[in-house]
Amino acid sequence: MLLLGILLFGLVIGAGAQIILARGSTNIDWATALIAGLGGSLVGGLLISLIAGDGIRFRPSGVIGSIVGALIVTAAMSAFRSRQR
């Protein structure tokens, strides 16, 4: 159940990052959302939680860090894809 919860959290965070960056577009690439959500949560959430002194517990600082990390990963993936075209 924990693994399913982590995957779902990453998917929601990644989809939210795509919606924020797309400014209203509802087209969500779910594979990118999962990768960006998990990667952003791992790096951003863990880093911000440790800086804030919350440890690795589920805290608001970690959620904010996850969103910021997912935004960065999503923007980087979009830039990489547009460069390949």
C-alpha atoms as a PDB file:
ATOM      1  CA  MET A   1       0.000   0.000   0.000  1.00  0.00           C
ATOM      2  CA  LEU A   2       2.871   2.378   0.739  1.00  0.00           C
ATOM      3  CA  LEU A   3       4.300   1.911  -2.759  1.00  0.00           C
ATOM      4  CA  LEU A   4       0.893   2.554  -4.300  1.00  0.00           C
ATOM      5  CA  GLY A   5       0.533   5.704  -2.197  1.00  0.00           C
ATOM      6  CA  ILE A   6       3.971   6.959  -3.272  1.00  0.00           C
ATOM      7  CA  LEU A   7       3.160   6.350  -6.933  1.00  0.00           C
ATOM      8  CA  LEU A   8      -0.195   8.099  -6.625  1.00  0.00           C
ATOM      9  CA  PHE A   9       1.364  11.076  -4.801  1.00  0.00           C
ATOM     10  CA  GLY A  10       4.047  11.384  -7.503  1.00  0.00           C
ATOM     11  CA  LEU A  11       1.441  11.177 -10.247  1.00  0.00           C
ATOM     12  CA  VAL A  12      -0.699  13.903  -8.676  1.00  0.00           C
ATOM     13  CA  ILE A  13       2.299  16.195  -8.052  1.00  0.00           C
ATOM     14  CA  GLY A  14       3.583  15.670 -11.613  1.00  0.00           C
ATOM     15  CA  ALA A  15       0.155  16.321 -13.142  1.00  0.00           C
ATOM     16  CA  GLY A  16      -0.160  19.471 -11.035  1.00  0.00           C
ATOM     17  CA  ALA A  17       3.223  20.663 -12.270  1.00  0.00           C
ATOM     18  CA  GLN A  18       2.153  20.137 -15.887  1.00  0.00           C
ATOM     19  CA  ILE A  19      -1.068  22.059 -15.310  1.00  0.00           C
ATOM     20  CA  ILE A  20       0.799  24.934 -13.641  1.00  0.00           C
ATOM     21  CA  LEU A  21       3.377  25.155 -16.431  1.00  0.00           C
ATOM     22  CA  ALA A  22       0.817  24.756 -19.230  1.00  0.00           C
ATOM     23  CA  ARG A  23      -1.301  27.622 -17.831  1.00  0.00           C
ATOM     24  CA  GLY A  24      -4.712  26.074 -18.218  1.00  0.00           C
ATOM     25  CA  SER A  25      -4.121  23.348 -20.788  1.00  0.00           C
ATOM     26  CA  THR A  26      -5.655  20.103 -19.613  1.00  0.00           C
ATOM     27  CA  ASN A  27      -3.533  17.788 -21.776  1.00  0.00           C
ATOM     28  CA  ILE A  28      -1.500  15.734 -19.322  1.00  0.00           C
ATOM     29  CA  ASP A  29       1.226  13.312 -20.359  1.00  0.00           C
ATOM     30  CA  TRP A  30       0.864  10.755 -17.581  1.00  0.00           C
ATOM     31  CA  ALA A  31       4.268   9.130 -18.099  1.00  0.00           C
ATOM     32  CA  THR A  32       5.962  12.520 -17.791  1.00  0.00           C
ATOM     33  CA  ALA A  33       3.766  13.331 -14.811  1.00  0.00           C
ATOM     34  CA  LEU A  34       4.859  10.167 -13.023  1.00  0.00           C
ATOM     35  CA  ILE A  35       8.552  10.699 -13.756  1.00  0.00           C
ATOM     36  CA  ALA A  36       8.464  14.397 -12.850  1.00  0.00           C
ATOM     37  CA  GLY A  37       6.395  13.781  -9.735  1.00  0.00           C
ATOM     38  CA  LEU A  38       8.581  11.009  -8.383  1.00  0.00           C
ATOM     39  CA  GLY A  39      11.858  12.698  -9.336  1.00  0.00           C
ATOM     40  CA  GLY A  40      10.756  16.089  -8.083  1.00  0.00           C
ATOM     41  CA  SER A  41       9.416  14.619  -4.869  1.00  0.00           C
ATOM     42  CA  LEU A  42      12.570  12.684  -4.230  1.00  0.00           C
ATOM     43  CA  VAL A  43      14.969  15.545  -4.818  1.00  0.00           C
ATOM     44  CA  GLY A  44      12.900  18.635  -4.008  1.00  0.00           C
ATOM     45  CA  GLY A  45      10.822  17.228  -1.184  1.00  0.00           C
ATOM     46  CA  LEU A  46      13.719  15.539   0.562  1.00  0.00           C
ATOM     47  CA  LEU A  47      16.019  18.529   0.179  1.00  0.00           C
ATOM     48  CA  ILE A  48      13.489  21.085   1.439  1.00  0.00           C
ATOM     49  CA  SER A  49      12.415  18.833   4.328  1.00  0.00           C
ATOM     50  CA  LEU A  50      16.001  18.381   5.455  1.00  0.00           C
ATOM     51  CA  ILE A  51      16.768  22.109   5.124  1.00  0.00           C
ATOM     52  CA  ALA A  52      13.628  22.983   7.119  1.00  0.00           C
ATOM     53  CA  GLY A  53      14.666  20.517   9.819  1.00  0.00           C
ATOM     54  CA  ASP A  54      11.576  18.328   9.461  1.00  0.00           C
ATOM     55  CA  GLY A  55      13.540  15.181   8.687  1.00  0.00           C
ATOM     56  CA  ILE A  56      11.952  12.722   6.298  1.00  0.00           C
ATOM     57  CA  ARG A  57       8.448  12.924   7.755  1.00  0.00           C
ATOM     58  CA  PHE A  58       5.430  13.965   5.696  1.00  0.00           C
ATOM     59  CA  ARG A  59       5.282  17.721   6.319  1.00  0.00           C
ATOM     60  CA  PRO A  60       4.070  20.778   4.359  1.00  0.00           C
ATOM     61  CA  SER A  61       7.670  21.768   3.625  1.00  0.00           C
ATOM     62  CA  GLY A  62       8.204  18.460   1.853  1.00  0.00           C
ATOM     63  CA  VAL A  63       5.029  18.864  -0.204  1.00  0.00           C
ATOM     64  CA  ILE A  64       6.077  22.355  -1.275  1.00  0.00           C
ATOM     65  CA  GLY A  65       9.524  21.042  -2.136  1.00  0.00           C
ATOM     66  CA  SER A  66       7.933  18.222  -4.127  1.00  0.00           C
ATOM     67  CA  ILE A  67       5.897  20.670  -6.177  1.00  0.00           C
ATOM     68  CA  VAL A  68       8.919  22.906  -6.824  1.00  0.00           C
ATOM     69  CA  GLY A  69      11.036  19.881  -7.746  1.00  0.00           C
ATOM     70  CA  ALA A  70       8.339  18.561 -10.094  1.00  0.00           C
ATOM     71  CA  LEU A  71       8.055  21.991 -11.744  1.00  0.00           C
ATOM     72  CA  ILE A  72      11.795  22.023 -12.373  1.00  0.00           C
ATOM     73  CA  VAL A  73      11.836  18.463 -13.734  1.00  0.00           C
ATOM     74  CA  THR A  74       8.781  19.116 -15.952  1.00  0.00           C
ATOM     75  CA  ALA A  75      10.299  22.327 -17.340  1.00  0.00           C
ATOM     76  CA  ALA A  76      13.585  20.558 -18.036  1.00  0.00           C
ATOM     77  CA  MET A  77      11.827  17.675 -19.790  1.00  0.00           C
ATOM     78  CA  SER A  78       9.779  20.103 -21.900  1.00  0.00           C
ATOM     79  CA  ALA A  79      12.903  22.033 -22.900  1.00  0.00           C
ATOM     80  CA  PHE A  80      14.687  18.800 -23.797  1.00  0.00           C
ATOM     81  CA  ARG A  81      11.772  17.579 -25.922  1.00  0.00           C
ATOM     82  CA  SER A  82      11.432  20.895 -27.768  1.00  0.00           C
ATOM     83  CA  ARG A  83      15.150  20.865 -28.518  1.00  0.00           C
ATOM     84  CA  GLN A  84      14.910  17.386 -30.049  1.00  0.00           C
ATOM     85  CA  ARG A  85      12.170  18.512 -32.453  1.00  0.00           C
END
